[in-house]
Amino acid sequence: MDKTQQYNELLKSIDGCKKCRLCEGRNNIVPGDGSINAQVVFVGEGPGKDEDLQGKPFVGQAGKFLSELLAGIGMSREDVFITNVVKCRPPNNRDPQEDEIETCIPYLREQIKLIKPKVICTLGKHALKTMISKELNISPSHGKLFKKGSFHFFAHYHPAAALYNPNLRSVIQHDFVLMKAAVEKILKEEEGTGIE
């Protein structure tokens, strides 16, 4: 089975999921979007209203800013993979609860295992704490690269943060420049370890 077939099988397993209470109020499951060969995977916390209606991640105002941020470093949504810690919208956009995250996280782990990105970018505090460490906070962690197991993680503020605090806009833009440099460095180092 090739990678696309494997991914389609994974999508089938996510489709119609009723493993936690989030299934009760959803319109659509939002598994993720983008390239399954991406070198960079972005992980947010959970779908919002627009995402729930369209079944795609980051399609609202925060999503527009994310597209802008990618364009600013010469990338597009087609180059990356974008998903969330939970695949269904929490009611009234509340934070996902611990048991909901625990129930849903195996889907994300399977996606990452299949895509094999060079860097996983966490968007916001929930993704940071879920993917890297519960001990971390977003303000001191954003713009930094972390290594956990065989994975590299890059912590970002959630793009929505700039909608509430316009002063963060330039900080988030700068972090994307740092992230691109980190990805390029990792790729270069991997090339250097290749056998001629």
Protein backbone atom coordinates (compact mmCIF):
# COMPACT_ATOMS: atom_id res chain seq x y z
CA MET A 1 0.00 0.00 0.00
CA ASP A 2 1.48 3.37 -1.00
CA LYS A 3 1.48 6.47 1.19
CA THR A 4 -1.65 7.98 -0.38
CA GLN A 5 -3.59 4.74 0.14
CA GLN A 6 -2.36 4.56 3.74
CA TYR A 7 -3.46 8.14 4.33
CA ASN A 8 -6.88 7.47 2.80
CA GLU A 9 -7.26 4.48 5.13
CA LEU A 10 -6.39 6.72 8.07
CA LEU A 11 -8.99 9.28 6.92
CA LYS A 12 -11.60 6.50 6.83
CA SER A 13 -10.77 5.61 10.44
CA ILE A 14 -11.17 9.28 11.50
CA ASP A 15 -14.40 9.78 9.52
CA GLY A 16 -17.49 9.32 11.65
CA CYS A 17 -15.46 9.05 14.89
CA LYS A 18 -17.65 9.00 18.00
CA LYS A 19 -14.98 8.29 20.61
CA CYS A 20 -15.53 11.48 22.64
CA ARG A 21 -18.24 14.05 23.40
CA LEU A 22 -16.97 16.47 20.73
CA CYS A 23 -18.76 14.40 18.08
CA GLU A 24 -22.13 15.52 19.50
CA GLY A 25 -22.07 19.12 18.25
CA ARG A 26 -19.95 18.94 15.12
CA ASN A 27 -20.97 19.50 11.51
CA ASN A 28 -17.75 18.07 10.09
CA ILE A 29 -14.65 16.29 11.29
CA VAL A 30 -11.57 18.35 10.40
CA PRO A 31 -8.73 15.83 9.92
CA GLY A 32 -6.23 18.16 8.25
CA ASP A 33 -5.20 19.57 4.91
CA GLY A 34 -2.10 19.94 2.77
CA SER A 35 0.70 17.75 1.46
CA ILE A 36 1.25 14.29 2.95
CA ASN A 37 4.88 14.68 1.81
CA ALA A 38 5.32 17.95 3.71
CA GLN A 39 8.56 18.74 5.53
CA VAL A 40 6.62 20.95 7.95
CA VAL A 41 3.43 20.04 9.85
CA PHE A 42 1.48 22.72 11.72
CA VAL A 43 -0.62 21.66 14.71
CA GLY A 44 -3.23 23.99 16.21
CA GLU A 45 -5.58 23.22 19.10
CA GLY A 46 -8.96 22.53 17.48
CA PRO A 47 -11.30 23.57 14.69
CA GLY A 48 -13.39 26.74 15.05
CA LYS A 49 -16.78 27.60 13.57
CA ASP A 50 -15.60 28.13 9.96
CA GLU A 51 -13.46 24.99 10.08
CA ASP A 52 -16.36 22.92 11.44
CA LEU A 53 -18.61 24.13 8.61
CA GLN A 54 -16.06 23.55 5.83
CA GLY A 55 -14.26 20.47 7.20
CA LYS A 56 -10.90 22.17 6.64
CA PRO A 57 -8.41 23.56 9.18
CA PHE A 58 -7.53 27.25 9.49
CA VAL A 59 -10.02 28.74 7.03
CA GLY A 60 -11.19 31.68 9.18
CA GLN A 61 -9.36 34.93 10.00
CA ALA A 62 -6.50 33.11 11.77
CA GLY A 63 -6.20 30.87 8.72
CA LYS A 64 -5.90 33.86 6.40
CA PHE A 65 -3.06 35.17 8.57
CA LEU A 66 -1.40 31.73 8.52
CA SER A 67 -1.52 31.75 4.69
CA GLU A 68 0.03 35.24 4.76
CA LEU A 69 2.78 34.07 7.13
CA LEU A 70 3.62 31.16 4.84
CA ALA A 71 3.69 33.42 1.78
CA GLY A 72 6.07 35.71 3.69
CA ILE A 73 8.66 32.92 3.83
CA GLY A 74 8.08 31.69 0.27
CA MET A 75 5.78 28.80 1.16
CA SER A 76 2.11 27.98 0.61
CA ARG A 77 -0.51 25.81 2.26
CA GLU A 78 0.11 23.22 -0.47
CA ASP A 79 3.74 22.84 0.75
CA VAL A 80 2.85 22.05 4.35
CA PHE A 81 0.33 19.97 6.30
CA ILE A 82 -2.04 21.71 8.72
CA THR A 83 -4.04 19.96 11.41
CA ASN A 84 -5.13 20.22 15.06
CA VAL A 85 -4.73 18.37 18.34
CA VAL A 86 -8.48 17.55 18.26
CA LYS A 87 -10.33 16.94 15.01
CA CYS A 88 -13.79 18.20 16.08
CA ARG A 89 -14.82 21.67 17.20
CA PRO A 90 -15.11 22.12 20.97
CA PRO A 91 -18.48 23.81 21.82
CA ASN A 92 -18.32 27.63 21.63
CA ASN A 93 -14.59 27.35 20.78
CA ARG A 94 -13.74 26.42 24.37
CA ASP A 95 -10.35 24.84 25.07
CA PRO A 96 -10.16 21.11 24.35
CA GLN A 97 -10.32 19.12 27.59
CA GLU A 98 -7.66 16.66 28.70
CA ASP A 99 -9.74 13.53 28.05
CA GLU A 100 -10.76 14.81 24.60
CA ILE A 101 -7.10 15.38 23.70
CA GLU A 102 -6.13 11.92 25.00
CA THR A 103 -8.89 10.29 22.93
CA CYS A 104 -8.03 12.15 19.72
CA ILE A 105 -4.21 12.30 19.85
CA PRO A 106 -3.66 8.81 18.32
CA TYR A 107 -5.01 10.17 15.01
CA LEU A 108 -2.43 12.96 15.06
CA ARG A 109 0.35 10.51 15.95
CA GLU A 110 -0.64 8.34 12.96
CA GLN A 111 -0.64 11.38 10.64
CA ILE A 112 2.84 12.39 11.79
CA LYS A 113 4.15 8.83 11.48
CA LEU A 114 2.90 8.70 7.90
CA ILE A 115 3.97 12.21 6.79
CA LYS A 116 7.42 12.06 8.50
CA PRO A 117 7.94 15.85 8.66
CA LYS A 118 11.32 17.41 9.43
CA VAL A 119 9.70 19.91 11.81
CA ILE A 120 6.39 19.93 13.69
CA CYS A 121 5.23 23.48 14.41
CA THR A 122 2.96 23.95 17.40
CA LEU A 123 0.48 26.83 17.11
CA GLY A 124 -0.51 28.16 20.52
CA LYS A 125 -0.26 26.94 24.10
CA HIS A 126 -2.45 23.83 23.84
CA ALA A 127 -0.45 22.35 20.97
CA LEU A 128 2.80 23.31 22.75
CA LYS A 129 1.80 21.59 26.01
CA THR A 130 0.32 18.55 24.23
CA MET A 131 3.12 17.98 21.73
CA ILE A 132 6.26 19.11 23.59
CA SER A 133 5.79 19.46 27.35
CA LYS A 134 3.10 20.43 29.84
CA GLU A 135 5.80 22.39 31.69
CA LEU A 136 6.29 24.90 28.86
CA ASN A 137 4.53 28.25 28.47
CA ILE A 138 4.08 30.01 25.15
CA SER A 139 5.68 33.41 25.89
CA PRO A 140 9.18 32.10 26.72
CA SER A 141 8.96 29.20 24.22
CA HIS A 142 7.81 30.82 20.97
CA GLY A 143 10.43 31.14 18.25
CA LYS A 144 12.45 28.23 19.65
CA LEU A 145 13.32 24.80 18.33
CA PHE A 146 12.90 21.77 20.61
CA LYS A 147 14.05 18.18 20.15
CA LYS A 148 11.90 15.40 21.59
CA GLY A 149 12.73 11.84 20.67
CA SER A 150 13.48 11.79 16.96
CA PHE A 151 11.33 14.86 16.26
CA HIS A 152 12.11 18.55 15.97
CA PHE A 153 9.41 20.92 17.21
CA PHE A 154 9.15 24.66 16.64
CA ALA A 155 6.90 26.66 18.96
CA HIS A 156 4.73 29.46 17.57
CA TYR A 157 2.07 31.73 18.97
CA HIS A 158 -1.33 30.82 17.54
CA PRO A 159 -2.04 33.07 14.51
CA ALA A 160 -5.31 34.11 16.23
CA ALA A 161 -3.21 35.80 18.95
CA ALA A 162 -2.35 38.55 16.45
CA LEU A 163 -6.06 39.20 15.87
CA TYR A 164 -6.49 40.03 19.56
CA ASN A 165 -3.09 41.66 20.04
CA PRO A 166 -1.84 43.40 16.86
CA ASN A 167 1.56 43.98 18.54
CA LEU A 168 2.21 40.25 18.20
CA ARG A 169 1.91 40.36 14.41
CA SER A 170 5.55 41.27 13.75
CA VAL A 171 6.74 38.84 16.46
CA ILE A 172 4.85 35.98 14.79
CA GLN A 173 6.18 36.98 11.36
CA HIS A 174 9.74 36.96 12.72
CA ASP A 175 9.19 33.51 14.28
CA PHE A 176 8.21 32.16 10.86
CA VAL A 177 11.49 33.44 9.42
CA LEU A 178 13.35 31.69 12.27
CA MET A 179 11.36 28.50 11.66
CA LYS A 180 12.24 28.45 7.96
CA ALA A 181 15.93 28.87 8.82
CA ALA A 182 15.64 25.99 11.33
CA VAL A 183 14.07 23.70 8.70
CA GLU A 184 16.81 24.57 6.19
CA LYS A 185 19.52 23.88 8.81
CA ILE A 186 18.00 20.48 9.67
CA LEU A 187 17.79 19.55 5.97
CA LYS A 188 21.42 20.60 5.44
CA GLU A 189 22.60 18.60 8.44
CA GLU A 190 20.74 15.52 7.17
CA GLU A 191 22.33 15.91 3.74
CA GLY A 192 25.72 16.09 5.46
CA THR A 193 25.16 12.74 7.18
CA GLY A 194 24.26 10.99 3.91
CA ILE A 195 26.55 8.27 2.57
CA GLU A 196 28.15 9.23 -0.73
